[in-house]
Amino acid sequence: MFGIGPLELVVIAIVAVVVFGPDRLPEFARTAGRLLRQVRQMVSNAQNDLRNELGPEFADLELQDLNPKNFVRKHLLEGSDDLDDEKPTSTPDFMDSSPDRLPAGQKAPFDPEST
């Protein structure tokens, strides 16, 4: 959580007790909890509004997918399983042996005026 370890949390709690006092600390904790709940609700509402405005095609939109690292990982590195199963049934046209091919060792024709 925010890179804060257990020792740091204990230090923060001790400082909070010293600064605010044990009498006002529960009030501040309730206020902080209420604020956090409101922020989460606002984020949830913003996500729902975004999904509604984009339409039904984006109903499963996750904001984490918009992060460039996650986008690359999802669309490029995690290949589609159905593409892996497809094997070519015949050789492509450009791999067919045709009479237009040069014999091995012969240089390709070159036109110096074309460049």
C-alpha atoms as a PDB file:
ATOM      1  CA  MET A   1       0.000   0.000   0.000  1.00  0.00           C
ATOM      2  CA  PHE A   2       1.809   3.118  -1.290  1.00  0.00           C
ATOM      3  CA  GLY A   3       5.128   1.449  -0.472  1.00  0.00           C
ATOM      4  CA  ILE A   4       4.583   1.920   3.263  1.00  0.00           C
ATOM      5  CA  GLY A   5       5.728  -0.937   5.478  1.00  0.00           C
ATOM      6  CA  PRO A   6       4.427  -1.956   8.904  1.00  0.00           C
ATOM      7  CA  LEU A   7       7.130   0.002  10.755  1.00  0.00           C
ATOM      8  CA  GLU A   8       6.198   3.203   8.930  1.00  0.00           C
ATOM      9  CA  LEU A   9       2.517   2.662   9.776  1.00  0.00           C
ATOM     10  CA  VAL A  10       3.379   2.328  13.479  1.00  0.00           C
ATOM     11  CA  VAL A  11       5.414   5.555  13.346  1.00  0.00           C
ATOM     12  CA  ILE A  12       2.546   7.372  11.594  1.00  0.00           C
ATOM     13  CA  ALA A  13       0.079   6.118  14.215  1.00  0.00           C
ATOM     14  CA  ILE A  14       2.313   7.291  17.091  1.00  0.00           C
ATOM     15  CA  VAL A  15       2.784  10.723  15.485  1.00  0.00           C
ATOM     16  CA  ALA A  16      -0.979  10.988  14.926  1.00  0.00           C
ATOM     17  CA  VAL A  17      -1.690  10.203  18.595  1.00  0.00           C
ATOM     18  CA  VAL A  18       0.858  12.789  19.715  1.00  0.00           C
ATOM     19  CA  VAL A  19      -0.305  15.511  17.307  1.00  0.00           C
ATOM     20  CA  PHE A  20      -4.073  15.064  17.514  1.00  0.00           C
ATOM     21  CA  GLY A  21      -4.362  13.517  20.956  1.00  0.00           C
ATOM     22  CA  PRO A  22      -6.269  10.394  21.887  1.00  0.00           C
ATOM     23  CA  ASP A  23      -9.536  12.330  22.297  1.00  0.00           C
ATOM     24  CA  ARG A  24      -9.724  13.776  18.750  1.00  0.00           C
ATOM     25  CA  LEU A  25      -8.043  10.865  16.914  1.00  0.00           C
ATOM     26  CA  PRO A  26     -11.260   8.772  16.453  1.00  0.00           C
ATOM     27  CA  GLU A  27     -12.991  11.838  14.971  1.00  0.00           C
ATOM     28  CA  PHE A  28     -10.166  12.308  12.442  1.00  0.00           C
ATOM     29  CA  ALA A  29     -10.216   8.592  11.606  1.00  0.00           C
ATOM     30  CA  ARG A  30     -13.980   8.760  10.887  1.00  0.00           C
ATOM     31  CA  THR A  31     -13.486  11.859   8.748  1.00  0.00           C
ATOM     32  CA  ALA A  32     -10.643  10.213   6.805  1.00  0.00           C
ATOM     33  CA  GLY A  33     -12.755   7.079   6.265  1.00  0.00           C
ATOM     34  CA  ARG A  34     -15.695   9.153   5.041  1.00  0.00           C
ATOM     35  CA  LEU A  35     -13.426  11.097   2.680  1.00  0.00           C
ATOM     36  CA  LEU A  36     -11.933   7.881   1.283  1.00  0.00           C
ATOM     37  CA  ARG A  37     -15.423   6.422   0.742  1.00  0.00           C
ATOM     38  CA  GLN A  38     -16.513   9.576  -1.110  1.00  0.00           C
ATOM     39  CA  VAL A  39     -13.417   9.531  -3.340  1.00  0.00           C
ATOM     40  CA  ARG A  40     -14.018   5.862  -4.213  1.00  0.00           C
ATOM     41  CA  GLN A  41     -17.659   6.643  -5.008  1.00  0.00           C
ATOM     42  CA  MET A  42     -16.642   9.545  -7.269  1.00  0.00           C
ATOM     43  CA  VAL A  43     -14.153   7.327  -9.147  1.00  0.00           C
ATOM     44  CA  SER A  44     -16.796   4.613  -9.548  1.00  0.00           C
ATOM     45  CA  ASN A  45     -19.319   7.143 -10.867  1.00  0.00           C
ATOM     46  CA  ALA A  46     -16.758   8.557 -13.315  1.00  0.00           C
ATOM     47  CA  GLN A  47     -15.997   5.060 -14.633  1.00  0.00           C
ATOM     48  CA  ASN A  48     -19.697   4.286 -15.042  1.00  0.00           C
ATOM     49  CA  ASP A  49     -20.304   7.593 -16.838  1.00  0.00           C
ATOM     50  CA  LEU A  50     -17.390   6.885 -19.176  1.00  0.00           C
ATOM     51  CA  ARG A  51     -18.726   3.402 -19.985  1.00  0.00           C
ATOM     52  CA  ASN A  52     -22.226   4.785 -20.586  1.00  0.00           C
ATOM     53  CA  GLU A  53     -20.981   7.547 -22.885  1.00  0.00           C
ATOM     54  CA  LEU A  54     -18.763   5.205 -24.925  1.00  0.00           C
ATOM     55  CA  GLY A  55     -21.630   2.821 -25.605  1.00  0.00           C
ATOM     56  CA  PRO A  56     -22.243  -0.903 -25.323  1.00  0.00           C
ATOM     57  CA  GLU A  57     -19.078  -1.825 -27.251  1.00  0.00           C
ATOM     58  CA  PHE A  58     -17.016  -0.634 -24.285  1.00  0.00           C
ATOM     59  CA  ALA A  59     -19.168  -2.072 -21.496  1.00  0.00           C
ATOM     60  CA  ASP A  60     -16.260  -4.199 -20.284  1.00  0.00           C
ATOM     61  CA  LEU A  61     -13.771  -1.303 -20.376  1.00  0.00           C
ATOM     62  CA  GLU A  62     -11.254  -1.267 -17.555  1.00  0.00           C
ATOM     63  CA  LEU A  63      -9.200   1.866 -16.983  1.00  0.00           C
ATOM     64  CA  GLN A  64      -6.140  -0.292 -16.305  1.00  0.00           C
ATOM     65  CA  ASP A  65      -6.340  -1.398 -19.950  1.00  0.00           C
ATOM     66  CA  LEU A  66      -5.642   2.200 -21.033  1.00  0.00           C
ATOM     67  CA  ASN A  67      -2.214   2.132 -19.385  1.00  0.00           C
ATOM     68  CA  PRO A  68       0.312   1.728 -22.256  1.00  0.00           C
ATOM     69  CA  LYS A  69       2.188  -1.069 -20.468  1.00  0.00           C
ATOM     70  CA  ASN A  70      -0.997  -3.056 -19.921  1.00  0.00           C
ATOM     71  CA  PHE A  71      -2.160  -2.356 -23.482  1.00  0.00           C
ATOM     72  CA  VAL A  72       1.048  -3.739 -24.969  1.00  0.00           C
ATOM     73  CA  ARG A  73       1.012  -6.720 -22.640  1.00  0.00           C
ATOM     74  CA  LYS A  74      -2.610  -7.515 -23.417  1.00  0.00           C
ATOM     75  CA  HIS A  75      -2.616  -7.015 -27.175  1.00  0.00           C
ATOM     76  CA  LEU A  76       0.900  -7.910 -28.254  1.00  0.00           C
ATOM     77  CA  LEU A  77       2.502 -10.198 -25.717  1.00  0.00           C
ATOM     78  CA  GLU A  78      -0.551 -12.285 -24.848  1.00  0.00           C
ATOM     79  CA  GLY A  79      -1.222 -13.687 -28.312  1.00  0.00           C
ATOM     80  CA  SER A  80      -4.620 -14.984 -29.251  1.00  0.00           C
ATOM     81  CA  ASP A  81      -4.955 -18.741 -28.718  1.00  0.00           C
ATOM     82  CA  ASP A  82      -7.127 -19.223 -31.796  1.00  0.00           C
ATOM     83  CA  LEU A  83      -4.372 -17.823 -34.037  1.00  0.00           C
ATOM     84  CA  ASP A  84      -1.824 -20.308 -32.699  1.00  0.00           C
ATOM     85  CA  ASP A  85      -3.987 -23.272 -33.694  1.00  0.00           C
ATOM     86  CA  GLU A  86      -4.301 -22.223 -37.318  1.00  0.00           C
ATOM     87  CA  LYS A  87      -1.807 -23.922 -39.613  1.00  0.00           C
ATOM     88  CA  PRO A  88      -1.463 -22.966 -43.274  1.00  0.00           C
ATOM     89  CA  THR A  89      -3.012 -25.624 -45.486  1.00  0.00           C
ATOM     90  CA  SER A  90      -0.967 -24.715 -48.561  1.00  0.00           C
ATOM     91  CA  THR A  91       2.068 -22.677 -49.379  1.00  0.00           C
ATOM     92  CA  PRO A  92       1.467 -19.000 -50.130  1.00  0.00           C
ATOM     93  CA  ASP A  93       1.575 -17.816 -53.729  1.00  0.00           C
ATOM     94  CA  PHE A  94       4.865 -15.986 -53.347  1.00  0.00           C
ATOM     95  CA  MET A  95       6.597 -19.204 -52.240  1.00  0.00           C
ATOM     96  CA  ASP A  96       5.475 -21.241 -55.253  1.00  0.00           C
ATOM     97  CA  SER A  97       8.218 -22.025 -57.692  1.00  0.00           C
ATOM     98  CA  SER A  98       7.530 -20.072 -60.847  1.00  0.00           C
ATOM     99  CA  PRO A  99       9.396 -19.776 -64.138  1.00  0.00           C
ATOM    100  CA  ASP A 100      10.095 -16.071 -63.381  1.00  0.00           C
ATOM    101  CA  ARG A 101      12.558 -16.962 -60.640  1.00  0.00           C
ATOM    102  CA  LEU A 102      16.246 -16.534 -61.303  1.00  0.00           C
ATOM    103  CA  PRO A 103      18.508 -19.547 -61.195  1.00  0.00           C
ATOM    104  CA  ALA A 104      20.773 -19.807 -58.178  1.00  0.00           C
ATOM    105  CA  GLY A 105      23.857 -17.584 -58.446  1.00  0.00           C
ATOM    106  CA  GLN A 106      22.497 -15.287 -61.183  1.00  0.00           C
ATOM    107  CA  LYS A 107      22.382 -11.567 -60.389  1.00  0.00           C
ATOM    108  CA  ALA A 108      19.099  -9.704 -60.493  1.00  0.00           C
ATOM    109  CA  PRO A 109      18.619  -7.239 -63.353  1.00  0.00           C
ATOM    110  CA  PHE A 110      19.536  -3.663 -62.486  1.00  0.00           C
ATOM    111  CA  ASP A 111      18.396  -0.472 -64.181  1.00  0.00           C
ATOM    112  CA  PRO A 112      20.665   2.483 -63.250  1.00  0.00           C
ATOM    113  CA  GLU A 113      18.125   4.997 -64.568  1.00  0.00           C
ATOM    114  CA  SER A 114      15.421   3.828 -62.181  1.00  0.00           C
ATOM    115  CA  THR A 115      17.147   5.124 -59.081  1.00  0.00           C
END
